[in-house]
Amino acid sequence: MAQMKQEQRTQQEAQLLQQALRCLRGEVPELQLVVFGQLRPPEPPDLGFPIHFAGHLHDDLSLRVLYSAADVFVLPSRQDNLPNTGVEALACGTPVVAFGVCGLPDIVTHQRTGYLAKPFDPEDLAAGIQWVLSDDARRKELSINARQCATERFSYSVVSGQYRQVYAE
């Protein structure tokens, strides 16, 4: 039952992402999508631009290379407390576009390390993607801010210090 609900959430998130990406058709020059964690389906969606399926990556180096190569990481989660993929993207200096729900505002600072779209609004998600991609200087600043945020808030030394403090209390 829990597995079925997770699959339904994943399908809903994929639909929201596809709707957002369809809004970008012809709007962002040279747009390409890289999907990791999934193999190419028998019938991939036609979004009007190339889609590359990287499959499952099992080592940190491959993940870092992929995150770092991306101009933006889109996280269409509807329900996540603190998704590691968002933190990993920031750590690689990749701005994150996500819905402003659950724990995502704890990861993404709106228009500083990425963009927080209105919950479950694919048009606003598309607007966030376009906002990040439309200005090279802005994207570079977001990238620097993303890396700095990850280092200051999510590095091992910071998190372990927070655990020590909680245990001390």
Protein backbone atom coordinates (compact mmCIF):
# COMPACT_ATOMS: atom_id res chain seq x y z
CA MET A 1 0.00 0.00 0.00
CA ALA A 2 2.76 2.46 0.96
CA GLN A 3 4.68 1.56 -2.21
CA MET A 4 1.59 2.24 -4.33
CA LYS A 5 1.08 5.65 -2.71
CA GLN A 6 4.74 6.52 -3.31
CA GLU A 7 4.40 5.53 -6.97
CA GLN A 8 1.28 7.71 -7.28
CA ARG A 9 3.14 10.69 -5.76
CA THR A 10 6.06 10.13 -8.11
CA GLN A 11 3.70 10.02 -11.11
CA GLN A 12 1.97 13.21 -9.96
CA GLU A 13 5.33 14.95 -9.56
CA ALA A 14 6.40 13.79 -13.02
CA GLN A 15 3.15 15.16 -14.48
CA LEU A 16 3.70 18.54 -12.80
CA LEU A 17 7.26 18.65 -14.12
CA GLN A 18 6.15 17.71 -17.64
CA GLN A 19 3.48 20.43 -17.59
CA ALA A 20 6.08 22.98 -16.49
CA LEU A 21 8.56 21.87 -19.14
CA ARG A 22 5.90 22.05 -21.86
CA CYS A 23 5.45 25.72 -20.90
CA LEU A 24 9.12 26.25 -21.76
CA ARG A 25 8.86 24.76 -25.27
CA GLY A 26 10.48 27.31 -27.57
CA GLU A 27 11.03 29.77 -24.69
CA VAL A 28 14.55 28.75 -23.62
CA PRO A 29 17.14 28.40 -26.39
CA GLU A 30 19.06 25.11 -26.44
CA LEU A 31 17.06 23.69 -23.52
CA GLN A 32 17.83 20.06 -22.69
CA LEU A 33 16.67 17.85 -19.86
CA VAL A 34 18.82 15.28 -18.06
CA VAL A 35 16.95 12.79 -15.92
CA PHE A 36 18.89 10.72 -13.44
CA GLY A 37 17.62 7.88 -11.31
CA GLN A 38 15.58 6.57 -14.23
CA LEU A 39 16.32 4.64 -17.39
CA ARG A 40 14.82 5.75 -20.70
CA PRO A 41 11.18 4.63 -20.75
CA PRO A 42 9.84 2.80 -23.81
CA GLU A 43 7.88 5.93 -24.77
CA PRO A 44 9.53 9.06 -23.36
CA PRO A 45 7.44 12.23 -23.37
CA ASP A 46 7.78 14.64 -26.27
CA LEU A 47 8.56 17.98 -24.66
CA GLY A 48 9.92 19.65 -27.77
CA PHE A 49 13.59 19.44 -26.72
CA PRO A 50 16.11 16.64 -26.08
CA ILE A 51 15.76 14.45 -23.00
CA HIS A 52 18.75 12.41 -21.79
CA PHE A 53 18.24 9.58 -19.29
CA ALA A 54 21.32 8.94 -17.15
CA GLY A 55 19.86 5.97 -15.28
CA HIS A 56 20.85 5.16 -11.72
CA LEU A 57 24.14 6.62 -10.56
CA HIS A 58 25.82 4.70 -7.77
CA ASP A 59 28.92 6.72 -6.99
CA ASP A 60 29.52 10.18 -5.60
CA LEU A 61 31.81 11.26 -8.43
CA SER A 62 29.19 10.62 -11.13
CA LEU A 63 26.56 12.44 -9.08
CA ARG A 64 28.84 15.45 -8.54
CA VAL A 65 29.69 15.63 -12.23
CA LEU A 66 26.04 15.52 -13.24
CA TYR A 67 24.88 18.06 -10.66
CA SER A 68 27.77 20.38 -11.54
CA ALA A 69 27.10 20.14 -15.26
CA ALA A 70 23.49 21.23 -14.84
CA ASP A 71 22.50 24.89 -15.02
CA VAL A 72 19.50 24.26 -12.76
CA PHE A 73 18.16 21.35 -10.72
CA VAL A 74 14.38 21.02 -10.75
CA LEU A 75 12.84 19.25 -7.76
CA PRO A 76 9.07 18.91 -8.28
CA SER A 77 8.43 17.23 -4.92
CA ARG A 78 4.97 17.61 -3.48
CA GLN A 79 5.83 16.13 -0.12
CA ASP A 80 9.39 15.93 1.21
CA ASN A 81 10.84 16.93 4.54
CA LEU A 82 14.48 17.55 3.51
CA PRO A 83 15.26 15.92 0.15
CA ASN A 84 18.94 15.03 -0.16
CA THR A 85 18.91 15.75 -3.88
CA GLY A 86 18.23 19.43 -3.19
CA VAL A 87 21.08 19.65 -0.70
CA GLU A 88 23.39 17.73 -3.06
CA ALA A 89 22.59 20.11 -5.93
CA LEU A 90 23.34 23.15 -3.76
CA ALA A 91 26.61 21.56 -2.61
CA CYS A 92 27.63 21.31 -6.27
CA GLY A 93 26.73 24.96 -6.86
CA THR A 94 23.58 24.19 -8.83
CA PRO A 95 20.55 26.42 -8.18
CA VAL A 96 17.37 24.55 -7.24
CA VAL A 97 13.86 25.25 -8.51
CA ALA A 98 11.15 23.60 -6.43
CA PHE A 99 7.69 24.07 -5.03
CA GLY A 100 7.64 26.03 -1.76
CA VAL A 101 6.26 23.15 0.32
CA CYS A 102 7.29 21.03 3.30
CA GLY A 103 11.06 21.14 3.89
CA LEU A 104 12.01 22.71 0.57
CA PRO A 105 12.00 26.29 1.94
CA ASP A 106 14.58 25.01 4.46
CA ILE A 107 16.85 24.16 1.54
CA VAL A 108 16.11 26.81 -1.09
CA THR A 109 16.20 30.50 -0.31
CA HIS A 110 13.87 32.09 -2.87
CA GLN A 111 15.77 34.03 -5.52
CA ARG A 112 19.04 33.61 -3.61
CA THR A 113 19.89 29.91 -4.07
CA GLY A 114 17.11 29.09 -6.50
CA TYR A 115 13.40 29.64 -6.91
CA LEU A 116 10.42 28.49 -4.85
CA ALA A 117 7.32 28.16 -7.00
CA LYS A 118 3.76 28.35 -5.74
CA PRO A 119 2.78 24.88 -4.55
CA PHE A 120 1.74 22.57 -7.37
CA ASP A 121 1.61 25.39 -9.95
CA PRO A 122 3.41 24.11 -13.06
CA GLU A 123 3.33 27.55 -14.72
CA ASP A 124 5.17 29.09 -11.76
CA LEU A 125 7.62 26.16 -11.74
CA ALA A 126 8.28 26.92 -15.42
CA ALA A 127 8.67 30.62 -14.59
CA GLY A 128 11.27 29.69 -11.95
CA ILE A 129 13.24 27.56 -14.39
CA GLN A 130 13.16 30.33 -16.97
CA TRP A 131 14.12 32.93 -14.33
CA VAL A 132 17.26 30.95 -13.43
CA LEU A 133 18.22 30.21 -17.04
CA SER A 134 17.45 33.60 -18.59
CA ASP A 135 20.34 35.58 -17.10
CA ASP A 136 23.91 34.21 -17.04
CA ALA A 137 25.09 36.68 -14.38
CA ARG A 138 22.12 35.82 -12.17
CA ARG A 139 22.71 32.09 -12.63
CA LYS A 140 26.36 32.52 -11.68
CA GLU A 141 25.40 34.45 -8.53
CA LEU A 142 22.79 31.80 -7.63
CA SER A 143 25.45 29.14 -8.11
CA ILE A 144 27.88 30.88 -5.77
CA ASN A 145 25.11 31.41 -3.22
CA ALA A 146 24.01 27.77 -3.51
CA ARG A 147 27.49 26.44 -2.75
CA GLN A 148 27.94 28.89 0.12
CA CYS A 149 24.56 27.94 1.60
CA ALA A 150 25.37 24.23 1.43
CA THR A 151 28.73 24.77 3.10
CA GLU A 152 27.35 27.00 5.85
CA ARG A 153 24.21 25.00 6.63
CA PHE A 154 24.67 21.40 5.57
CA SER A 155 28.38 20.50 5.80
CA TYR A 156 29.35 17.59 8.04
CA SER A 157 31.07 19.85 10.56
CA VAL A 158 28.03 22.12 10.89
CA VAL A 159 25.50 19.29 11.16
CA SER A 160 27.62 17.29 13.62
CA GLY A 161 27.97 20.42 15.78
CA GLN A 162 24.20 20.80 15.78
CA TYR A 163 23.79 17.16 16.86
CA ARG A 164 26.32 17.67 19.67
CA GLN A 165 24.35 20.70 20.85
CA VAL A 166 21.06 18.78 20.84
CA TYR A 167 22.60 15.90 22.80
CA ALA A 168 24.16 18.34 25.28
CA GLU A 169 20.76 19.89 25.95
